[in-house]
Protein backbone atom coordinates (compact mmCIF):
# COMPACT_ATOMS: atom_id res chain seq x y z
CA MET A 1 28.11 14.43 -4.27
CA ARG A 2 24.98 15.60 -2.44
CA PHE A 3 24.30 16.98 1.02
CA PHE A 4 22.15 15.23 3.57
CA CYS A 5 20.39 17.10 6.42
CA ARG A 6 19.41 14.90 9.38
CA ASN A 7 17.56 17.51 11.33
CA PHE A 8 15.89 19.54 8.76
CA PHE A 9 13.40 21.33 10.70
CA TYR A 10 12.78 23.80 13.72
CA LEU A 11 9.76 23.81 15.81
CA HIS A 12 8.71 27.24 16.95
CA ARG A 13 6.04 27.34 19.41
CA PRO A 14 6.98 30.24 21.98
CA LYS A 15 4.14 29.28 24.39
CA GLY A 16 3.69 25.89 23.34
CA SER A 17 0.74 24.01 21.88
CA PRO A 18 -2.79 24.98 23.00
CA ASP A 19 -3.02 21.09 24.54
CA ASP A 20 -4.46 21.80 27.66
CA ASN A 21 -7.45 19.56 26.95
CA PHE A 22 -5.54 17.13 24.67
CA ILE A 23 -5.09 13.49 25.78
CA PHE A 24 -1.59 13.51 24.21
CA LYS A 25 0.64 16.41 24.54
CA GLY A 26 1.97 18.59 21.71
CA ILE A 27 4.91 20.85 21.47
CA PRO A 28 6.17 22.35 24.73
CA PRO A 29 7.11 26.13 24.92
CA THR A 30 10.13 26.97 22.79
CA GLY A 31 10.62 30.49 24.01
CA PRO A 32 11.76 33.35 21.78
CA LEU A 33 13.78 32.48 18.53
CA PRO A 34 17.29 31.87 19.10
CA GLY A 35 20.16 34.20 17.60
CA SER A 36 20.52 31.52 14.77
CA ILE A 37 19.11 28.39 13.58
CA ASP A 38 21.62 26.08 11.94
CA PHE A 39 21.30 23.08 10.10
CA ALA A 40 24.24 20.82 9.60
CA LEU A 41 24.86 19.31 6.12
CA TYR A 42 26.65 15.96 5.81
CA PRO A 43 28.32 14.81 2.40
CA GLN A 44 26.39 11.83 0.97
CA THR A 45 26.92 9.87 -2.21
CA GLU A 46 23.58 9.04 -4.14
CA SER A 47 23.49 6.70 -6.86
CA ASP A 48 20.82 7.16 -9.72
CA ASP A 49 19.67 3.58 -9.00
CA PHE A 50 18.35 2.91 -5.52
CA SER A 51 15.35 1.46 -3.80
CA ILE A 52 13.04 2.40 -0.95
CA ILE A 53 10.42 0.73 1.18
CA VAL A 54 6.95 2.24 1.25
CA THR A 55 4.27 1.08 3.77
CA SER A 56 1.12 2.19 5.13
CA ASP A 57 -1.00 1.88 8.14
CA PRO A 58 0.84 -0.11 10.77
CA GLN A 59 -1.74 1.46 13.03
CA PRO A 60 -1.08 -0.63 16.33
CA TYR A 61 -3.75 0.01 19.13
CA GLU A 62 -1.66 -1.86 21.71
CA LEU A 63 2.02 -3.10 22.49
CA GLN A 64 0.86 -6.67 21.21
CA HIS A 65 0.24 -5.24 17.64
CA LEU A 66 3.75 -3.51 17.63
CA GLU A 67 5.21 -6.77 18.73
CA TRP A 68 3.60 -8.41 15.75
CA TYR A 69 4.62 -5.54 13.48
CA ALA A 70 8.25 -6.15 14.57
CA GLN A 71 7.94 -9.81 14.12
CA THR A 72 6.65 -9.83 10.60
CA ALA A 73 7.86 -6.51 8.98
CA LEU A 74 11.29 -5.81 10.58
CA PRO A 75 13.00 -8.94 9.15
CA GLU A 76 11.36 -8.26 5.66
CA PHE A 77 12.65 -4.70 5.50
CA ARG A 78 16.15 -5.49 6.87
CA LYS A 79 16.81 -8.04 4.18
CA HIS A 80 16.60 -5.22 1.25
CA LYS A 81 20.09 -4.22 1.35
CA SER A 82 19.43 -1.67 -1.54
CA ALA A 83 16.93 0.26 0.38
CA VAL A 84 18.09 3.74 1.29
CA PHE A 85 15.18 4.77 3.23
CA GLY A 86 11.56 4.18 4.28
CA ILE A 87 8.33 6.05 3.91
CA ALA A 88 5.21 5.11 5.83
CA CYS A 89 1.83 6.53 4.49
CA GLY A 90 0.10 7.59 7.53
CA ASP A 91 -1.84 5.90 10.33
CA ILE A 92 1.58 5.37 12.05
CA VAL A 93 -0.55 4.44 15.18
CA GLY A 94 -3.96 3.62 16.04
CA ASP A 95 -5.27 6.75 18.10
CA LEU A 96 -2.73 6.00 20.97
CA LEU A 97 -0.08 8.65 20.25
CA ASP A 98 2.18 7.41 22.70
CA LEU A 99 2.99 4.37 20.71
CA TYR A 100 5.13 6.57 18.58
CA THR A 101 8.18 5.97 20.73
CA PRO A 102 8.12 2.33 20.55
CA TYR A 103 7.23 2.15 16.78
CA ASN A 104 10.27 4.54 16.24
CA LYS A 105 12.47 2.16 18.22
CA ILE A 106 11.52 -0.71 16.08
CA ASN A 107 11.79 1.02 12.89
CA ALA A 108 15.52 2.34 13.85
CA LEU A 109 16.46 -1.33 13.71
CA CYS A 110 16.06 -1.34 9.99
CA GLY A 111 19.34 0.41 9.57
CA PHE A 112 17.89 3.32 7.35
CA PRO A 113 15.96 6.43 8.22
CA TRP A 114 12.26 6.76 7.74
CA TYR A 115 9.79 9.43 6.68
CA ASN A 116 6.40 9.36 8.01
CA VAL A 117 3.14 10.82 6.76
CA VAL A 118 0.36 11.94 9.10
CA GLY A 119 -2.89 9.86 8.95
CA ASN A 120 -6.24 10.45 10.53
CA HIS A 121 -5.36 7.99 13.42
CA ASP A 122 -2.49 10.22 14.27
CA LEU A 123 -4.38 13.25 15.28
CA ASN A 124 -5.43 14.84 18.55
CA PHE A 125 -9.17 14.17 18.46
CA MET A 126 -9.75 16.86 21.30
CA ALA A 127 -8.47 19.44 18.98
CA PRO A 128 -11.30 22.04 18.37
CA ASP A 129 -10.19 22.60 14.70
CA ASP A 130 -7.39 21.55 12.00
CA THR A 131 -4.82 24.12 13.07
CA HIS A 132 -3.27 22.09 15.92
CA ALA A 133 -4.76 18.61 15.38
CA ALA A 134 -1.29 17.14 14.54
CA GLU A 135 0.61 18.96 17.30
CA THR A 136 1.79 15.38 18.79
CA PHE A 137 2.77 14.20 15.44
CA ARG A 138 4.79 17.26 14.87
CA ARG A 139 6.59 17.14 18.27
CA VAL A 140 7.60 13.48 17.16
CA PHE A 141 8.19 13.48 13.62
CA GLY A 142 8.29 17.24 12.58
CA PRO A 143 6.35 18.89 9.80
CA THR A 144 3.31 17.21 8.13
CA THR A 145 4.10 18.49 4.76
CA TYR A 146 7.67 18.88 3.31
CA VAL A 147 10.02 18.07 0.36
CA PHE A 148 13.35 16.05 0.17
CA GLN A 149 15.53 14.79 -2.84
CA TYR A 150 17.34 11.78 -3.41
CA ALA A 151 19.39 11.47 -6.60
CA ARG A 152 16.87 12.72 -9.36
CA VAL A 153 13.85 11.91 -7.37
CA HIS A 154 11.90 14.56 -5.37
CA PHE A 155 9.60 13.23 -2.69
CA ILE A 156 6.65 15.46 -1.56
CA ILE A 157 5.37 14.33 1.86
CA LEU A 158 1.88 15.77 1.70
CA ASP A 159 -0.71 16.07 4.72
CA ASN A 160 -4.12 15.60 3.09
CA VAL A 161 -5.96 14.75 6.25
CA TYR A 162 -8.37 17.73 7.37
CA TRP A 163 -9.66 17.63 10.88
CA GLU A 164 -13.07 19.25 11.19
CA GLY A 165 -12.90 19.47 15.08
CA PHE A 166 -13.84 17.77 18.46
CA ASN A 167 -17.48 16.46 18.39
CA GLY A 168 -18.01 15.07 21.74
CA PHE A 169 -17.22 11.41 23.01
CA ARG A 170 -18.35 7.93 22.00
CA ASP A 171 -20.00 5.48 24.52
CA ASP A 172 -16.61 3.98 25.61
CA GLY A 173 -15.44 7.59 26.70
CA TRP A 174 -13.14 8.01 23.67
CA PRO A 175 -13.31 11.18 21.56
CA ASN A 176 -15.37 10.79 18.25
CA ARG A 177 -12.99 10.44 15.38
CA ASN A 178 -14.56 10.42 12.18
CA GLN A 179 -14.94 14.15 11.58
CA TYR A 180 -12.18 14.33 8.88
CA HIS A 181 -11.97 14.46 5.10
CA GLY A 182 -9.34 14.54 2.40
CA LYS A 183 -8.25 17.76 1.57
CA ILE A 184 -4.95 19.66 0.24
CA ARG A 185 -4.67 23.05 2.05
CA GLN A 186 -4.08 26.08 0.07
CA ARG A 187 -0.78 26.61 1.98
CA ASP A 188 0.44 23.48 0.90
CA PHE A 189 -0.47 24.07 -2.62
CA ASP A 190 1.58 27.27 -2.43
CA TYR A 191 4.44 25.36 -1.01
CA ILE A 192 4.33 22.76 -3.60
CA ARG A 193 4.30 25.21 -6.51
CA ASN A 194 6.97 27.27 -5.19
CA TYR A 195 9.31 24.19 -4.82
CA LEU A 196 8.52 22.95 -8.23
CA GLN A 197 9.68 26.17 -9.96
CA HIS A 198 13.27 24.93 -8.90
CA VAL A 199 12.95 21.49 -10.08
CA ASP A 200 14.40 20.16 -13.43
CA LYS A 201 11.44 19.10 -15.85
CA GLY A 202 13.36 15.84 -16.38
CA ASP A 203 13.40 14.79 -12.71
CA ARG A 204 10.73 12.61 -11.19
CA ILE A 205 8.10 13.87 -8.67
CA VAL A 206 6.74 11.40 -6.08
CA ILE A 207 3.92 12.46 -3.77
CA CYS A 208 3.23 10.28 -0.65
CA SER A 209 -0.04 11.07 1.17
CA HIS A 210 -2.30 9.17 3.43
CA ILE A 211 -5.80 9.53 1.93
CA PRO A 212 -5.86 8.35 -1.64
CA LEU A 213 -5.57 11.11 -4.20
CA TYR A 214 -8.09 9.34 -6.44
CA ASN A 215 -11.16 7.95 -4.70
CA ARG A 216 -12.84 4.65 -5.76
CA ALA A 217 -16.42 4.87 -6.48
CA ASP A 218 -17.46 2.56 -3.69
CA GLU A 219 -15.51 4.45 -1.10
CA HIS A 220 -17.08 7.24 1.09
CA PRO A 221 -16.24 10.80 -0.34
CA ARG A 222 -13.98 11.63 2.73
CA HIS A 223 -11.63 8.88 1.68
CA GLY A 224 -10.61 10.81 -1.34
CA THR A 225 -8.87 14.18 -2.37
CA PRO A 226 -11.10 16.59 -3.92
CA GLU A 227 -8.26 18.76 -5.01
CA LEU A 228 -6.93 15.87 -7.18
CA THR A 229 -7.42 17.92 -10.55
CA ASP A 230 -5.71 20.95 -9.15
CA LEU A 231 -2.83 18.90 -8.12
CA MET A 232 -2.35 17.04 -11.13
CA GLN A 233 -2.43 20.35 -13.27
CA LEU A 234 0.41 21.51 -10.91
CA LEU A 235 2.34 18.30 -11.84
CA SER A 236 1.59 18.55 -15.67
CA PRO A 237 4.81 20.20 -16.88
CA PHE A 238 6.61 17.02 -15.46
CA ARG A 239 6.66 13.94 -17.48
CA TYR A 240 7.85 11.46 -14.75
CA THR A 241 5.45 11.60 -11.70
CA LEU A 242 4.16 9.01 -9.30
CA SER A 243 2.21 8.81 -6.19
CA PHE A 244 1.48 6.65 -3.01
CA SER A 245 -1.07 6.31 -0.44
CA GLY A 246 -2.85 4.21 2.11
CA HIS A 247 -5.75 4.48 4.51
CA THR A 248 -8.31 2.08 2.72
CA HIS A 249 -6.36 -1.22 3.63
CA ILE A 250 -6.63 -2.29 -0.08
CA ASN A 251 -4.35 -2.46 -2.98
CA HIS A 252 -5.59 -0.42 -5.86
CA ASN A 253 -3.67 1.33 -8.72
CA HIS A 254 -4.88 4.11 -11.23
CA TYR A 255 -3.38 5.75 -14.22
CA LEU A 256 -4.34 9.53 -14.25
CA ASP A 257 -4.49 11.43 -17.47
CA ALA A 258 -5.91 14.67 -18.96
CA GLY A 259 -9.34 13.58 -17.53
CA GLN A 260 -8.03 13.92 -14.10
CA GLY A 261 -6.09 17.12 -14.87
CA TYR A 262 -2.77 15.54 -15.73
CA GLN A 263 -1.72 16.97 -19.18
CA ALA A 264 1.82 15.92 -19.19
CA PRO A 265 4.32 16.03 -22.07
CA ASP A 266 3.98 13.11 -24.64
CA GLY A 267 0.71 12.13 -23.04
CA ALA A 268 2.36 10.36 -20.18
CA THR A 269 0.25 9.29 -17.39
CA HIS A 270 0.42 9.58 -13.53
CA HIS A 271 0.58 6.32 -11.68
CA HIS A 272 -1.29 6.58 -8.31
CA CYS A 273 -0.52 3.44 -6.14
CA ASN A 274 -2.81 2.78 -3.03
CA LEU A 275 -0.94 0.20 -0.88
CA THR A 276 -2.45 -2.24 1.49
CA SER A 277 -1.42 -1.85 5.19
CA THR A 278 1.12 -3.68 7.16
CA CYS A 279 -1.53 -4.34 9.77
CA GLY A 280 -3.98 -6.01 7.34
CA SER A 281 -7.38 -5.83 8.83
CA TRP A 282 -6.21 -4.54 12.17
CA TYR A 283 -4.12 -7.60 13.44
CA ARG A 284 -7.19 -9.84 13.49
CA GLY A 285 -8.04 -13.34 12.09
CA PRO A 286 -6.88 -16.92 12.46
CA VAL A 287 -3.15 -17.22 13.54
CA SER A 288 -0.52 -18.32 11.05
CA ASP A 289 2.53 -20.75 11.73
CA SER A 290 4.63 -17.75 13.06
CA GLY A 291 1.90 -16.94 15.71
CA VAL A 292 0.69 -13.65 14.13
CA PRO A 293 -2.75 -13.10 12.94
CA PHE A 294 -2.98 -13.82 9.22
CA SER A 295 -5.11 -10.60 8.92
CA PRO A 296 -5.66 -9.98 5.19
CA GLY A 297 -6.57 -6.39 3.98
CA ARG A 298 -10.06 -5.53 3.55
CA ASP A 299 -10.09 -6.73 -0.05
CA GLY A 300 -8.78 -10.15 1.09
CA SER A 301 -5.02 -9.63 -0.20
CA PRO A 302 -2.17 -10.37 2.18
CA LYS A 303 -0.83 -7.35 4.35
CA GLY A 304 2.27 -6.17 2.99
CA TYR A 305 4.48 -3.11 1.67
CA ALA A 306 6.25 -2.11 -1.46
CA LEU A 307 9.81 -2.30 -2.62
CA VAL A 308 10.25 0.47 -5.09
CA HIS A 309 13.25 0.73 -7.34
CA PHE A 310 14.28 3.91 -9.19
CA SER A 311 16.60 3.99 -12.16
CA GLY A 312 17.31 7.54 -12.80
CA ALA A 313 14.31 9.84 -13.38
CA SER A 314 12.46 7.83 -16.03
CA ASP A 315 12.31 4.18 -14.90
CA TYR A 316 10.85 2.72 -11.75
CA LYS A 317 9.53 -0.63 -10.54
CA ILE A 318 7.22 -1.55 -7.85
CA GLU A 319 7.09 -4.82 -5.99
CA VAL A 320 4.21 -5.35 -3.67
CA LEU A 321 5.35 -7.84 -1.15
CA PRO A 322 3.22 -9.93 1.53
CA LEU A 323 4.06 -10.11 5.06
CA ASP A 324 4.09 -13.61 6.80
CA PHE A 325 2.76 -15.28 3.76
CA GLY A 326 5.54 -17.67 3.07
CA GLY A 327 7.04 -16.10 -0.05
CA GLU A 328 7.88 -13.10 -2.29
CA CYS A 329 5.25 -13.37 -5.19
CA HIS A 330 2.33 -11.66 -6.37
CA TYR A 331 0.14 -14.80 -6.12
CA GLY A 332 -0.37 -17.96 -4.30
CA ILE A 333 -1.05 -21.44 -5.48
CA ASP A 334 -3.07 -23.89 -2.94
CA LEU A 335 -3.08 -27.33 -4.19
CA PRO A 336 -1.86 -30.86 -2.96
CA GLN A 337 1.74 -31.84 -3.05
CA VAL A 338 0.87 -35.26 -4.35
CA LEU A 339 -2.27 -36.26 -6.38
CA ALA A 340 -3.04 -39.61 -8.06
CA THR A 341 -4.34 -39.25 -11.53
CA ASP A 342 -7.71 -40.80 -10.66
CA GLU A 343 -8.20 -38.01 -8.24
CA LEU A 344 -7.87 -35.26 -10.85
CA PRO A 345 -11.64 -34.98 -11.70
CA SER A 346 -12.76 -34.34 -7.97
CA THR A 347 -9.62 -32.12 -6.94
CA SER A 348 -9.77 -28.31 -7.07
CA ALA A 349 -6.77 -25.90 -7.12
CA GLN A 350 -6.87 -22.22 -5.96
CA ILE A 351 -4.88 -19.43 -7.36
CA ASN A 352 -4.83 -16.04 -5.95
CA VAL A 353 -3.49 -13.18 -7.99
CA PHE A 354 -3.21 -10.01 -5.87
CA CYS A 355 -2.03 -6.41 -6.27
CA ARG A 356 -2.44 -6.43 -10.13
CA ILE A 357 -1.39 -3.31 -11.51
CA ARG A 358 -3.78 -2.29 -14.32
CA LYS A 359 -2.60 0.12 -17.02
CA PRO A 360 -4.81 1.03 -19.97
CA GLY A 361 -3.78 -1.05 -23.02
CA PHE A 362 -2.14 -3.55 -21.08
CA LYS A 363 -3.30 -7.09 -20.39
CA CYS A 364 -2.41 -9.22 -17.61
CA VAL A 365 -1.37 -12.89 -18.69
CA LEU A 366 -1.32 -16.05 -16.83
CA THR A 367 0.50 -19.02 -18.48
CA THR A 368 0.69 -22.62 -17.50
CA GLU A 369 3.01 -25.56 -18.34
CA VAL A 370 1.59 -29.00 -18.17
CA GLY A 371 3.85 -31.85 -17.20
CA PRO A 372 4.28 -35.04 -19.52
CA ILE A 373 2.48 -37.39 -17.33
CA VAL A 374 -0.46 -35.44 -16.70
CA ARG A 375 -0.45 -34.36 -20.37
CA ARG A 376 -0.95 -37.95 -21.34
CA TYR A 377 -3.84 -38.41 -18.81
CA MET A 378 -5.48 -35.14 -20.25
CA ASP A 379 -5.05 -36.57 -23.87
CA ALA A 380 -6.71 -39.71 -22.81
CA THR A 381 -9.78 -38.23 -21.12
CA GLY A 382 -10.12 -35.57 -23.82
CA VAL A 383 -9.36 -32.61 -21.19
CA SER A 384 -7.61 -29.69 -23.03
CA SER A 385 -4.90 -27.56 -21.36
CA ASN A 386 -5.87 -24.74 -23.62
CA CYS A 387 -8.44 -23.51 -21.47
CA VAL A 388 -5.85 -22.04 -18.80
CA SER A 389 -3.92 -20.22 -21.34
CA ALA A 390 -3.57 -16.84 -22.17
CA VAL A 391 -6.27 -17.13 -24.82
CA TRP A 392 -8.94 -17.77 -22.24
CA LEU A 393 -7.72 -15.72 -19.44
CA ILE A 394 -6.93 -12.62 -21.03
CA PRO A 395 -10.49 -11.47 -21.70
CA MET A 396 -11.29 -12.26 -18.02
CA LEU A 397 -8.64 -10.56 -16.39
CA ASP A 398 -8.89 -7.39 -18.66
CA SER A 399 -12.61 -7.08 -17.98
CA VAL A 400 -12.11 -6.77 -14.18
CA SER A 401 -11.05 -3.00 -13.24
CA SER A 402 -9.95 -4.41 -9.65
CA PRO A 403 -6.38 -5.14 -8.73
CA ILE A 404 -7.47 -8.09 -6.73
CA LEU A 405 -8.39 -11.13 -8.61
CA TRP A 406 -9.54 -14.44 -7.11
CA LEU A 407 -9.08 -17.29 -9.60
CA TRP A 408 -10.53 -20.56 -8.85
CA ILE A 409 -9.07 -23.23 -11.01
CA ILE A 410 -11.39 -26.32 -10.72
CA TYR A 411 -10.94 -29.73 -12.06
CA GLY A 412 -13.77 -31.78 -13.47
CA ASN A 413 -17.12 -30.58 -15.18
CA SER A 414 -16.75 -26.94 -14.93
CA ILE A 415 -17.21 -24.23 -17.61
CA CYS A 416 -15.09 -21.70 -18.64
CA GLN A 417 -16.94 -18.47 -17.60
CA PRO A 418 -17.16 -16.32 -14.31
CA THR A 419 -19.10 -17.93 -11.81
CA CYS A 420 -19.74 -14.75 -9.71
CA GLN A 421 -18.96 -11.05 -9.25
CA LEU A 422 -18.64 -9.76 -5.65
CA GLY A 423 -19.20 -6.14 -5.06
CA GLY A 424 -17.31 -5.17 -8.21
CA THR A 425 -14.18 -6.02 -6.87
CA ASN A 426 -13.25 -9.62 -7.31
CA CYS A 427 -13.89 -12.16 -10.02
CA MET A 428 -14.00 -15.87 -9.62
CA CYS A 429 -13.66 -17.90 -12.70
CA ALA A 430 -14.09 -21.46 -13.17
CA LEU A 431 -11.59 -23.04 -15.65
CA TRP A 432 -10.23 -26.47 -16.74
CA ALA A 433 -6.86 -27.25 -15.31
CA THR A 434 -4.30 -29.72 -14.52
CA SER A 435 -2.75 -30.67 -11.24
CA ALA A 436 0.83 -30.73 -12.35
CA MET A 437 1.53 -27.21 -13.69
CA SER A 438 3.68 -24.03 -13.25
CA LEU A 439 2.59 -20.46 -13.52
CA ARG A 440 3.72 -17.07 -14.39
CA VAL A 441 1.97 -13.63 -14.02
CA ASN A 442 2.95 -10.99 -16.51
CA THR A 443 2.64 -7.41 -15.15
CA ILE A 444 3.57 -4.10 -16.35
CA PHE A 445 7.06 -4.57 -14.69
CA GLY A 446 7.62 -7.73 -16.66
CA LEU A 447 7.16 -11.53 -15.88
CA SER A 448 7.22 -12.74 -12.27
CA PRO A 449 9.25 -15.73 -11.28
CA THR A 450 7.70 -19.14 -12.19
CA VAL A 451 5.84 -20.79 -9.40
CA PRO A 452 6.36 -24.62 -9.77
CA SER A 453 3.69 -27.31 -9.91
CA CYS A 454 2.15 -28.17 -6.52
CA HIS A 455 3.19 -25.20 -4.51
CA HIS A 456 1.16 -25.63 -1.27
CA SER A 457 0.47 -22.47 0.80
CA ALA A 458 -0.34 -24.37 4.11
CA ARG A 459 -0.48 -21.41 6.24
CA ALA A 460 -2.87 -19.30 4.19
CA PRO A 461 -6.57 -20.06 4.45
CA ALA A 462 -8.54 -20.68 1.33
CA PRO A 463 -9.15 -17.48 -0.87
CA ARG A 464 -12.91 -17.94 -0.60
CA ALA A 465 -12.73 -17.93 3.20
CA LEU A 466 -10.57 -15.06 3.21
CA PHE A 467 -12.61 -12.89 1.17
CA GLU A 468 -15.91 -13.85 3.20
CA ARG A 469 -14.07 -13.16 6.50
CA SER A 470 -12.57 -9.62 5.47
CA GLU A 471 -15.81 -8.58 3.92
CA SER A 472 -18.27 -9.91 6.51
CA GLN A 473 -16.29 -9.45 9.92
CA HIS A 474 -17.76 -6.61 11.88
CA ILE A 475 -15.36 -3.71 12.53
CA ASP A 476 -15.97 -2.39 16.00
CA ASN A 477 -15.84 0.87 17.46
CA ARG A 478 -12.02 0.43 18.27
CA TRP A 479 -10.81 -0.37 14.65
CA SER A 480 -11.67 1.79 11.55
CA ILE A 481 -9.90 3.23 8.45
């Protein structure tokens, strides 16, 4: 039996926040401290096996965006009966901080509590420095850095967004908002260090931030956390660690070791998982069958969220699930429902494998099964099915560091080699294949469910079109990471 504290903080601003020039108000005057500050504890049974929802960047800029968020995300969250709480990794709203209230009302319908991380779009852009930039966030959600425990897992909600100060207005009259960067403040280091002194070394530590701890080489330096090595050194006594972030609207995963300062017992690595956003590319793009913009992430992967399951301290499983995509899978197959054999040479199939979690020494494997009718056709024409087996796909997949892979499987006279490399983040392969097949993806968490032959994702545009749209579409002054 453990105890749960619903209201775990007390805001003390005797004279209130210095928010006279703020567009959105901060904390009102609280007056002097009361005679006592009491925190009620409620008994709670916590199983060592539990699941949570992790999201990032809902980032609504208007009520219509929140309606789309509720339409796509809420039914998904509610169906996970094993989820005990949710964590949103920042950019709760898109600059308009008065949208916190309707956002909270939507998430309240999930039936479990939410813990929210502050993002760069959750700040008061009129703040002259970092000290009070998150005052509106604190008024609504509470502190920006804190810790809570569930079973044998300790969750550190970490504010790593540093505001450099107000710097004038844009042409549209809104304050400039790009004067921020990733940073872990010394007071937060001290707080985490003090807390970890009281944690059993066999427990798991999970850090949730907005800006990624580990920055990709192709991202601006402000989209990473320079103090990564110091943080990893602080976590080194703990073998079981994990971290989540958002901000960049793409899926990517990294395993950190001594090279990044993490020198854990038995050579364990730290898994840093950066999640795509629930808004995708800011609620834009063609409309799906549900009436919501398809809006893939910046890397072309579907907008989505993570279902994370913990089994004690040592084991965990992450399922990155798409929103408004027509299924719970890590890939989509787009090919005709019915195809005559004489149409095989001129017909193409597209397989999109997204959110591949790449671990050193692990190979992501695709396997196919060919139906007997098509097998006879292939034997008669001399086309071999071996070209789509793991023998051919393993070296291609393993050579790509991105978690996003576009695989074009093309029938006809094609050769088994990558046809193009786009920005170092995507790989397109032309391979022999058959029209009747099933497919499984092997990930670090085991084999995915089998997708049967001729699975057709009618509501999703073709992968190539997705990539071109998400990369070339102009991001105006209103929307940004």
